[in-house]
Amino acid sequence: MQTTTLVFKTEFSDVKEFRVPNTTPLVTSTSLSPGASTTMRPPPPPPPPKPKTEIKVERVHEEPSSSIPDLEFDGTTVLCRVCGDKASGFHYGVHSCEGCKGFFRRSIQQKIQYRPCTKNQQCSILRINRNRCQYCRLKKCIAVGMSRDAVRFGRVPKREKARILAAMQ
């Protein structure tokens, strides 16, 4: 292997020599002060990005136990029963996302009467289109079990949460 000798000279110190493997071209820069120069290598290239690994999780269809409600589940997270987005918790009696929770709360608290649906009241409510038909969205909220009376105070105990997640897997 070939080596290159690097020489560092400054006004205030002795000359220092270093031997390094000759793997990359040298870059030389000269400062403004006479007699002082520096020779150095460019920084090494960054490491290549690590390949992303995909994990596929398949859910085996099982009969839900009688004590656990039928939950939408994509293998790692609980999904909103209304629109299929990631559920943020158990709101108004069902697992729902923040968007559907807020929509249902506003609809109930303000007693909003939405214009009837123009598409036979059969709009599909998905995350990407949940704001298109408020009438059908509220109808689906009620159909999946959202209720003002189902408000639960406090958090789900860790044991109950672990039991629900274990039953879904």
N, C-alpha and C. Protein backbone atom coordinates (compact mmCIF):
# COMPACT_ATOMS: atom_id res chain seq x y z
N MET A 1 0.85 -1.17 0.00
CA MET A 1 0.00 0.00 0.00
C MET A 1 0.90 1.24 0.00
N GLN A 2 0.55 2.20 -0.83
CA GLN A 2 1.31 3.43 -0.89
C GLN A 2 0.87 4.35 0.24
N THR A 3 1.82 5.13 0.72
CA THR A 3 1.49 6.11 1.75
C THR A 3 1.93 7.48 1.28
N THR A 4 1.30 8.48 1.85
CA THR A 4 1.63 9.86 1.56
C THR A 4 2.08 10.51 2.85
N THR A 5 3.07 11.35 2.76
CA THR A 5 3.54 12.06 3.94
C THR A 5 2.91 13.44 3.94
N LEU A 6 2.24 13.76 5.04
CA LEU A 6 1.65 15.09 5.21
C LEU A 6 2.60 15.92 6.06
N VAL A 7 2.86 17.12 5.63
CA VAL A 7 3.76 18.02 6.36
C VAL A 7 2.96 19.23 6.80
N PHE A 8 2.99 19.52 8.09
CA PHE A 8 2.31 20.68 8.65
C PHE A 8 3.37 21.67 9.13
N LYS A 9 3.32 22.88 8.58
CA LYS A 9 4.26 23.93 8.98
C LYS A 9 3.45 25.14 9.44
N THR A 10 3.79 25.67 10.56
CA THR A 10 3.17 26.90 11.02
C THR A 10 4.25 27.84 11.54
N GLU A 11 3.87 29.06 11.77
CA GLU A 11 4.83 30.05 12.28
C GLU A 11 5.26 29.74 13.70
N PHE A 12 4.37 29.10 14.49
CA PHE A 12 4.59 28.98 15.92
C PHE A 12 5.07 27.61 16.38
N SER A 13 5.10 26.62 15.49
CA SER A 13 5.50 25.29 15.96
C SER A 13 6.49 24.65 15.00
N ASP A 14 7.01 23.54 15.42
CA ASP A 14 7.95 22.80 14.59
C ASP A 14 7.22 22.13 13.43
N VAL A 15 7.98 21.66 12.49
CA VAL A 15 7.42 20.92 11.35
C VAL A 15 7.02 19.54 11.84
N LYS A 16 5.79 19.10 11.46
CA LYS A 16 5.31 17.78 11.86
C LYS A 16 4.97 17.00 10.62
N GLU A 17 5.37 15.73 10.59
CA GLU A 17 5.09 14.87 9.45
C GLU A 17 4.20 13.71 9.89
N PHE A 18 3.25 13.35 9.04
CA PHE A 18 2.36 12.22 9.29
C PHE A 18 2.31 11.37 8.04
N ARG A 19 2.34 10.07 8.19
CA ARG A 19 2.20 9.17 7.05
C ARG A 19 0.79 8.59 7.08
N VAL A 20 0.08 8.71 5.94
CA VAL A 20 -1.29 8.21 5.84
C VAL A 20 -1.42 7.38 4.58
N PRO A 21 -2.34 6.40 4.55
CA PRO A 21 -2.55 5.59 3.34
C PRO A 21 -2.99 6.48 2.19
N ASN A 22 -2.53 6.18 1.01
CA ASN A 22 -2.84 6.97 -0.18
C ASN A 22 -4.10 6.40 -0.84
N THR A 23 -5.28 6.81 -0.36
CA THR A 23 -6.53 6.28 -0.91
C THR A 23 -7.37 7.33 -1.59
N THR A 24 -7.19 8.60 -1.24
CA THR A 24 -7.98 9.67 -1.86
C THR A 24 -7.05 10.79 -2.27
N PRO A 25 -7.46 11.60 -3.24
CA PRO A 25 -6.58 12.70 -3.67
C PRO A 25 -6.40 13.73 -2.56
N LEU A 26 -5.26 14.36 -2.59
CA LEU A 26 -4.96 15.37 -1.58
C LEU A 26 -5.46 16.73 -2.02
N VAL A 27 -5.83 17.54 -1.03
CA VAL A 27 -6.24 18.91 -1.26
C VAL A 27 -5.24 19.79 -0.53
N THR A 28 -4.70 20.77 -1.21
CA THR A 28 -3.71 21.66 -0.59
C THR A 28 -4.28 23.05 -0.50
N SER A 29 -4.14 23.67 0.65
CA SER A 29 -4.57 25.05 0.80
C SER A 29 -3.43 25.84 1.40
N THR A 30 -3.29 27.06 1.01
CA THR A 30 -2.23 27.92 1.52
C THR A 30 -2.87 29.10 2.21
N SER A 31 -2.41 29.39 3.41
CA SER A 31 -2.96 30.54 4.14
C SER A 31 -2.31 31.82 3.63
N LEU A 32 -2.76 32.95 4.10
CA LEU A 32 -2.25 34.23 3.66
C LEU A 32 -0.87 34.54 4.24
N SER A 33 -0.53 33.94 5.37
CA SER A 33 0.77 34.24 5.96
C SER A 33 1.87 33.49 5.20
N PRO A 34 2.98 34.15 4.93
CA PRO A 34 4.04 33.54 4.13
C PRO A 34 4.67 32.36 4.85
N GLY A 35 4.92 31.30 4.10
CA GLY A 35 5.60 30.14 4.66
C GLY A 35 4.70 29.16 5.37
N ALA A 36 3.41 29.43 5.51
CA ALA A 36 2.51 28.51 6.20
C ALA A 36 1.58 27.87 5.18
N SER A 37 1.60 26.57 5.11
CA SER A 37 0.68 25.86 4.22
C SER A 37 0.19 24.60 4.90
N THR A 38 -0.92 24.10 4.45
CA THR A 38 -1.52 22.91 5.04
C THR A 38 -1.93 21.98 3.91
N THR A 39 -1.66 20.73 4.06
CA THR A 39 -2.09 19.72 3.09
C THR A 39 -2.98 18.75 3.84
N MET A 40 -4.18 18.50 3.31
CA MET A 40 -5.09 17.58 4.01
C MET A 40 -6.01 16.88 3.01
N ARG A 41 -6.65 15.85 3.45
CA ARG A 41 -7.56 15.07 2.62
C ARG A 41 -8.99 15.59 2.80
N PRO A 42 -9.81 15.43 1.76
CA PRO A 42 -11.22 15.80 1.93
C PRO A 42 -11.88 14.81 2.89
N PRO A 43 -12.98 15.19 3.51
CA PRO A 43 -13.65 14.27 4.45
C PRO A 43 -14.15 13.04 3.70
N PRO A 44 -14.21 11.91 4.39
CA PRO A 44 -14.69 10.68 3.73
C PRO A 44 -16.16 10.84 3.35
N PRO A 45 -16.58 10.14 2.31
CA PRO A 45 -17.99 10.24 1.91
C PRO A 45 -18.89 9.65 2.99
N PRO A 46 -20.12 10.13 3.08
CA PRO A 46 -21.03 9.60 4.10
C PRO A 46 -21.35 8.14 3.80
N PRO A 47 -21.66 7.35 4.83
CA PRO A 47 -21.99 5.95 4.59
C PRO A 47 -23.28 5.85 3.77
N PRO A 48 -23.41 4.80 2.99
CA PRO A 48 -24.64 4.65 2.19
C PRO A 48 -25.84 4.48 3.11
N PRO A 49 -27.02 4.94 2.67
CA PRO A 49 -28.20 4.80 3.52
C PRO A 49 -28.54 3.33 3.71
N LYS A 50 -29.04 3.03 4.89
CA LYS A 50 -29.43 1.66 5.19
C LYS A 50 -30.72 1.33 4.45
N PRO A 51 -30.80 0.13 3.90
CA PRO A 51 -32.04 -0.22 3.19
C PRO A 51 -33.20 -0.33 4.18
N LYS A 52 -34.36 0.11 3.73
CA LYS A 52 -35.54 0.03 4.58
C LYS A 52 -36.10 -1.38 4.50
N THR A 53 -36.45 -1.90 5.65
CA THR A 53 -37.04 -3.23 5.64
C THR A 53 -38.54 -3.09 5.84
N GLU A 54 -39.25 -3.86 5.10
CA GLU A 54 -40.70 -3.83 5.22
C GLU A 54 -41.14 -5.01 6.06
N ILE A 55 -42.04 -4.73 6.97
CA ILE A 55 -42.60 -5.77 7.81
C ILE A 55 -44.06 -5.90 7.44
N LYS A 56 -44.43 -7.08 7.05
CA LYS A 56 -45.82 -7.31 6.70
C LYS A 56 -46.46 -8.14 7.81
N VAL A 57 -47.56 -7.66 8.31
CA VAL A 57 -48.28 -8.35 9.37
C VAL A 57 -49.65 -8.72 8.83
N GLU A 58 -49.97 -9.99 8.94
CA GLU A 58 -51.28 -10.42 8.50
C GLU A 58 -52.10 -10.80 9.72
N ARG A 59 -53.35 -10.49 9.67
CA ARG A 59 -54.24 -10.79 10.78
C ARG A 59 -55.06 -12.01 10.43
N VAL A 60 -55.04 -12.97 11.32
CA VAL A 60 -55.85 -14.15 11.13
C VAL A 60 -57.25 -13.83 11.63
N HIS A 61 -58.25 -14.13 10.83
CA HIS A 61 -59.62 -13.82 11.23
C HIS A 61 -60.04 -14.77 12.35
N GLU A 62 -60.39 -14.18 13.46
CA GLU A 62 -60.84 -14.94 14.62
C GLU A 62 -62.18 -14.38 15.06
N GLU A 63 -62.89 -15.17 15.78
CA GLU A 63 -64.14 -14.71 16.35
C GLU A 63 -63.81 -13.80 17.53
N PRO A 64 -64.32 -12.59 17.57
CA PRO A 64 -64.04 -11.73 18.71
C PRO A 64 -64.70 -12.28 19.97
N SER A 65 -64.01 -12.09 21.10
CA SER A 65 -64.61 -12.57 22.34
C SER A 65 -65.78 -11.66 22.70
N SER A 66 -66.66 -12.17 23.51
CA SER A 66 -67.89 -11.43 23.81
C SER A 66 -67.63 -10.16 24.61
N SER A 67 -66.52 -10.11 25.38
CA SER A 67 -66.28 -8.93 26.21
C SER A 67 -65.53 -7.83 25.46
N ILE A 68 -64.97 -8.13 24.28
CA ILE A 68 -64.21 -7.14 23.54
C ILE A 68 -64.98 -6.76 22.29
N PRO A 69 -65.24 -5.46 22.09
CA PRO A 69 -65.98 -5.05 20.91
C PRO A 69 -65.21 -5.35 19.63
N ASP A 70 -65.91 -5.46 18.52
CA ASP A 70 -65.29 -5.71 17.23
C ASP A 70 -64.48 -4.48 16.84
N LEU A 71 -63.16 -4.62 16.80
CA LEU A 71 -62.29 -3.49 16.52
C LEU A 71 -61.65 -3.63 15.16
N GLU A 72 -61.46 -2.50 14.49
CA GLU A 72 -60.67 -2.48 13.27
C GLU A 72 -59.21 -2.46 13.73
N PHE A 73 -58.38 -3.30 13.10
CA PHE A 73 -57.00 -3.43 13.56
C PHE A 73 -56.13 -3.74 12.36
N ASP A 74 -55.05 -2.98 12.14
CA ASP A 74 -54.20 -3.22 10.97
C ASP A 74 -52.92 -3.98 11.32
N GLY A 75 -52.84 -4.59 12.47
CA GLY A 75 -51.67 -5.36 12.87
C GLY A 75 -50.81 -4.65 13.90
N THR A 76 -50.79 -3.34 13.89
CA THR A 76 -49.96 -2.62 14.86
C THR A 76 -50.75 -1.56 15.61
N THR A 77 -51.79 -1.01 15.00
CA THR A 77 -52.55 0.05 15.67
C THR A 77 -54.04 -0.19 15.51
N VAL A 78 -54.79 0.35 16.44
CA VAL A 78 -56.25 0.28 16.37
C VAL A 78 -56.71 1.38 15.43
N LEU A 79 -57.67 1.06 14.57
CA LEU A 79 -58.16 2.03 13.59
C LEU A 79 -59.50 2.60 14.01
N CYS A 80 -59.77 3.81 13.55
CA CYS A 80 -61.03 4.49 13.81
C CYS A 80 -62.17 3.68 13.21
N ARG A 81 -63.22 3.45 13.99
CA ARG A 81 -64.36 2.67 13.50
C ARG A 81 -65.19 3.44 12.49
N VAL A 82 -65.03 4.75 12.43
CA VAL A 82 -65.82 5.57 11.51
C VAL A 82 -65.12 5.69 10.16
N CYS A 83 -63.87 6.14 10.15
CA CYS A 83 -63.21 6.45 8.87
C CYS A 83 -62.00 5.59 8.55
N GLY A 84 -61.51 4.79 9.50
CA GLY A 84 -60.36 3.93 9.24
C GLY A 84 -59.01 4.57 9.49
N ASP A 85 -58.97 5.82 9.94
CA ASP A 85 -57.71 6.47 10.28
C ASP A 85 -57.20 5.85 11.58
N LYS A 86 -56.00 6.23 12.02
CA LYS A 86 -55.45 5.72 13.26
C LYS A 86 -56.26 6.25 14.44
N ALA A 87 -56.76 5.35 15.26
CA ALA A 87 -57.56 5.76 16.42
C ALA A 87 -56.66 6.35 17.49
N SER A 88 -57.10 7.44 18.09
CA SER A 88 -56.32 8.07 19.16
C SER A 88 -56.78 7.61 20.53
N GLY A 89 -57.89 6.92 20.59
CA GLY A 89 -58.39 6.45 21.87
C GLY A 89 -59.83 6.00 21.78
N PHE A 90 -60.40 5.76 22.94
CA PHE A 90 -61.77 5.29 23.05
C PHE A 90 -62.64 6.50 23.37
N HIS A 91 -63.36 7.00 22.38
CA HIS A 91 -64.12 8.24 22.53
C HIS A 91 -65.59 7.98 22.25
N TYR A 92 -66.46 8.44 23.13
CA TYR A 92 -67.91 8.32 22.96
C TYR A 92 -68.35 6.87 22.70
N GLY A 93 -67.62 5.93 23.29
CA GLY A 93 -68.03 4.53 23.22
C GLY A 93 -67.37 3.69 22.14
N VAL A 94 -66.55 4.28 21.28
CA VAL A 94 -65.85 3.50 20.25
C VAL A 94 -64.43 4.03 20.08
N HIS A 95 -63.58 3.20 19.49
CA HIS A 95 -62.24 3.66 19.14
C HIS A 95 -62.38 4.57 17.93
N SER A 96 -61.89 5.80 18.07
CA SER A 96 -62.02 6.75 16.97
C SER A 96 -60.80 7.67 16.92
N CYS A 97 -60.64 8.29 15.75
CA CYS A 97 -59.55 9.24 15.56
C CYS A 97 -59.95 10.60 16.14
N GLU A 98 -58.99 11.51 16.21
CA GLU A 98 -59.27 12.85 16.73
C GLU A 98 -60.29 13.58 15.85
N GLY A 99 -60.21 13.39 14.54
CA GLY A 99 -61.13 14.07 13.63
C GLY A 99 -62.57 13.67 13.86
N CYS A 100 -62.83 12.36 13.93
CA CYS A 100 -64.20 11.88 14.12
C CYS A 100 -64.70 12.18 15.53
N LYS A 101 -63.79 12.15 16.51
CA LYS A 101 -64.17 12.51 17.88
C LYS A 101 -64.67 13.95 17.92
N GLY A 102 -63.89 14.86 17.33
CA GLY A 102 -64.27 16.27 17.33
C GLY A 102 -65.53 16.53 16.52
N PHE A 103 -65.66 15.87 15.37
CA PHE A 103 -66.85 16.02 14.53
C PHE A 103 -68.10 15.59 15.30
N PHE A 104 -68.02 14.43 15.96
CA PHE A 104 -69.18 13.94 16.71
C PHE A 104 -69.51 14.87 17.87
N ARG A 105 -68.47 15.31 18.59
CA ARG A 105 -68.69 16.21 19.73
C ARG A 105 -69.37 17.51 19.29
N ARG A 106 -68.87 18.13 18.23
CA ARG A 106 -69.48 19.37 17.73
C ARG A 106 -70.91 19.14 17.26
N SER A 107 -71.12 18.04 16.57
CA SER A 107 -72.46 17.74 16.04
C SER A 107 -73.47 17.58 17.17
N ILE A 108 -73.07 16.91 18.24
CA ILE A 108 -73.98 16.65 19.36
C ILE A 108 -74.16 17.91 20.21
N GLN A 109 -73.06 18.56 20.58
CA GLN A 109 -73.15 19.72 21.46
C GLN A 109 -73.91 20.88 20.82
N GLN A 110 -73.70 21.09 19.53
CA GLN A 110 -74.36 22.21 18.85
C GLN A 110 -75.68 21.80 18.21
N LYS A 111 -76.05 20.53 18.36
CA LYS A 111 -77.31 20.00 17.82
C LYS A 111 -77.47 20.36 16.34
N ILE A 112 -76.43 20.08 15.58
CA ILE A 112 -76.41 20.45 14.16
C ILE A 112 -77.27 19.48 13.35
N GLN A 113 -78.10 20.02 12.49
CA GLN A 113 -78.89 19.23 11.54
C GLN A 113 -78.25 19.40 10.16
N TYR A 114 -77.58 18.37 9.68
CA TYR A 114 -76.90 18.47 8.39
C TYR A 114 -77.88 18.27 7.24
N ARG A 115 -77.56 18.89 6.08
CA ARG A 115 -78.39 18.71 4.89
C ARG A 115 -78.39 17.24 4.51
N PRO A 116 -79.54 16.70 4.12
CA PRO A 116 -79.58 15.28 3.73
C PRO A 116 -78.62 15.01 2.57
N CYS A 117 -78.13 13.80 2.54
CA CYS A 117 -77.17 13.37 1.52
C CYS A 117 -77.82 13.36 0.14
N THR A 118 -77.05 13.76 -0.85
CA THR A 118 -77.56 13.78 -2.23
C THR A 118 -77.28 12.46 -2.95
N LYS A 119 -76.61 11.51 -2.30
CA LYS A 119 -76.24 10.24 -2.94
C LYS A 119 -76.88 9.05 -2.22
N ASN A 120 -78.18 9.14 -1.98
CA ASN A 120 -78.94 8.04 -1.35
C ASN A 120 -78.45 7.65 0.03
N GLN A 121 -77.78 8.54 0.73
CA GLN A 121 -77.31 8.32 2.10
C GLN A 121 -76.44 7.06 2.20
N GLN A 122 -75.61 6.83 1.19
CA GLN A 122 -74.73 5.65 1.20
C GLN A 122 -73.29 6.02 0.87
N CYS A 123 -72.85 7.18 1.29
CA CYS A 123 -71.47 7.60 1.03
C CYS A 123 -70.52 6.73 1.85
N SER A 124 -69.39 6.35 1.24
CA SER A 124 -68.39 5.61 2.03
C SER A 124 -67.56 6.65 2.77
N ILE A 125 -67.39 6.44 4.04
CA ILE A 125 -66.65 7.38 4.88
C ILE A 125 -65.26 6.80 5.11
N LEU A 126 -64.26 7.40 4.48
CA LEU A 126 -62.88 6.99 4.62
C LEU A 126 -62.05 8.19 5.06
N ARG A 127 -60.84 7.93 5.49
CA ARG A 127 -59.97 9.02 5.95
C ARG A 127 -59.81 10.09 4.89
N ILE A 128 -59.67 9.70 3.64
CA ILE A 128 -59.40 10.68 2.58
C ILE A 128 -60.62 11.47 2.16
N ASN A 129 -61.82 10.98 2.48
CA ASN A 129 -63.02 11.71 2.04
C ASN A 129 -64.03 11.95 3.15
N ARG A 130 -63.61 11.82 4.39
CA ARG A 130 -64.56 11.90 5.51
C ARG A 130 -65.24 13.25 5.65
N ASN A 131 -64.68 14.30 5.05
CA ASN A 131 -65.28 15.64 5.18
C ASN A 131 -66.25 15.98 4.06
N ARG A 132 -66.47 15.08 3.12
CA ARG A 132 -67.32 15.39 1.97
C ARG A 132 -68.81 15.38 2.31
N CYS A 133 -69.25 14.41 3.10
CA CYS A 133 -70.68 14.31 3.40
C CYS A 133 -70.86 14.22 4.92
N GLN A 134 -71.20 15.33 5.53
CA GLN A 134 -71.36 15.37 6.98
C GLN A 134 -72.56 14.55 7.44
N TYR A 135 -73.59 14.52 6.62
CA TYR A 135 -74.79 13.76 6.97
C TYR A 135 -74.45 12.28 7.13
N CYS A 136 -73.76 11.71 6.14
CA CYS A 136 -73.40 10.29 6.20
C CYS A 136 -72.35 10.01 7.27
N ARG A 137 -71.47 10.97 7.52
CA ARG A 137 -70.45 10.78 8.56
C ARG A 137 -71.10 10.70 9.94
N LEU A 138 -72.04 11.60 10.22
CA LEU A 138 -72.73 11.54 11.51
C LEU A 138 -73.55 10.26 11.61
N LYS A 139 -74.18 9.88 10.52
CA LYS A 139 -74.97 8.65 10.50
C LYS A 139 -74.07 7.44 10.81
N LYS A 140 -72.85 7.43 10.24
CA LYS A 140 -71.93 6.31 10.50
C LYS A 140 -71.41 6.36 11.93
N CYS A 141 -71.16 7.55 12.46
CA CYS A 141 -70.73 7.66 13.86
C CYS A 141 -71.74 6.98 14.78
N ILE A 142 -73.01 7.26 14.54
CA ILE A 142 -74.08 6.67 15.36
C ILE A 142 -74.18 5.18 15.09
N ALA A 143 -74.04 4.77 13.81
CA ALA A 143 -74.16 3.35 13.45
C ALA A 143 -73.07 2.49 14.10
N VAL A 144 -71.86 3.02 14.26
CA VAL A 144 -70.79 2.23 14.87
C VAL A 144 -70.84 2.27 16.39
N GLY A 145 -71.75 3.07 16.96
CA GLY A 145 -71.94 3.05 18.40
C GLY A 145 -71.53 4.28 19.16
N MET A 146 -71.20 5.36 18.48
CA MET A 146 -70.85 6.58 19.21
C MET A 146 -72.10 7.14 19.88
N SER A 147 -71.94 7.52 21.14
CA SER A 147 -73.07 8.02 21.90
C SER A 147 -72.58 9.02 22.93
N ARG A 148 -73.36 10.06 23.12
CA ARG A 148 -73.01 11.05 24.13
C ARG A 148 -73.01 10.40 25.52
N ASP A 149 -73.86 9.41 25.71
CA ASP A 149 -73.96 8.74 27.01
C ASP A 149 -72.80 7.79 27.27
N ALA A 150 -72.01 7.49 26.26
CA ALA A 150 -70.92 6.53 26.42
C ALA A 150 -69.61 7.19 26.81
N VAL A 151 -69.65 8.44 27.23
CA VAL A 151 -68.43 9.12 27.64
C VAL A 151 -67.89 8.42 28.87
N ARG A 152 -66.61 8.11 28.83
CA ARG A 152 -65.98 7.41 29.94
C ARG A 152 -65.01 8.36 30.60
N PHE A 153 -65.04 8.48 31.90
CA PHE A 153 -64.16 9.38 32.62
C PHE A 153 -62.91 8.62 33.05
N GLY A 154 -61.76 9.22 32.84
CA GLY A 154 -60.50 8.58 33.21
C GLY A 154 -59.93 7.76 32.07
N ARG A 155 -58.80 7.17 32.34
CA ARG A 155 -58.08 6.42 31.32
C ARG A 155 -58.41 4.93 31.41
N VAL A 156 -58.08 4.21 30.34
CA VAL A 156 -58.25 2.76 30.34
C VAL A 156 -57.12 2.18 31.19
N PRO A 157 -57.44 1.35 32.16
CA PRO A 157 -56.37 0.75 32.96
C PRO A 157 -55.41 -0.06 32.08
N LYS A 158 -54.13 -0.10 32.46
CA LYS A 158 -53.12 -0.79 31.66
C LYS A 158 -53.47 -2.26 31.44
N ARG A 159 -53.99 -2.91 32.46
CA ARG A 159 -54.34 -4.33 32.31
C ARG A 159 -55.41 -4.54 31.25
N GLU A 160 -56.43 -3.67 31.27
CA GLU A 160 -57.51 -3.80 30.29
C GLU A 160 -57.00 -3.51 28.88
N LYS A 161 -56.15 -2.50 28.75
CA LYS A 161 -55.59 -2.15 27.45
C LYS A 161 -54.73 -3.31 26.92
N ALA A 162 -53.91 -3.89 27.77
CA ALA A 162 -53.06 -5.02 27.36
C ALA A 162 -53.92 -6.21 26.96
N ARG A 163 -55.01 -6.44 27.67
CA ARG A 163 -55.90 -7.56 27.35
C ARG A 163 -56.57 -7.36 25.99
N ILE A 164 -56.98 -6.13 25.71
CA ILE A 164 -57.62 -5.83 24.42
C ILE A 164 -56.62 -6.02 23.28
N LEU A 165 -55.40 -5.48 23.45
CA LEU A 165 -54.40 -5.61 22.39
C LEU A 165 -53.98 -7.06 22.19
N ALA A 166 -53.89 -7.83 23.28
CA ALA A 166 -53.52 -9.25 23.15
C ALA A 166 -54.61 -10.03 22.42
N ALA A 167 -55.85 -9.68 22.66
CA ALA A 167 -56.96 -10.38 22.00
C ALA A 167 -57.01 -10.07 20.50
N MET A 168 -56.49 -8.91 20.11
CA MET A 168 -56.54 -8.52 18.70
C MET A 168 -55.43 -9.19 17.89
N GLN A 169 -54.40 -9.68 18.55
CA GLN A 169 -53.28 -10.25 17.80
C GLN A 169 -53.41 -11.73 17.62
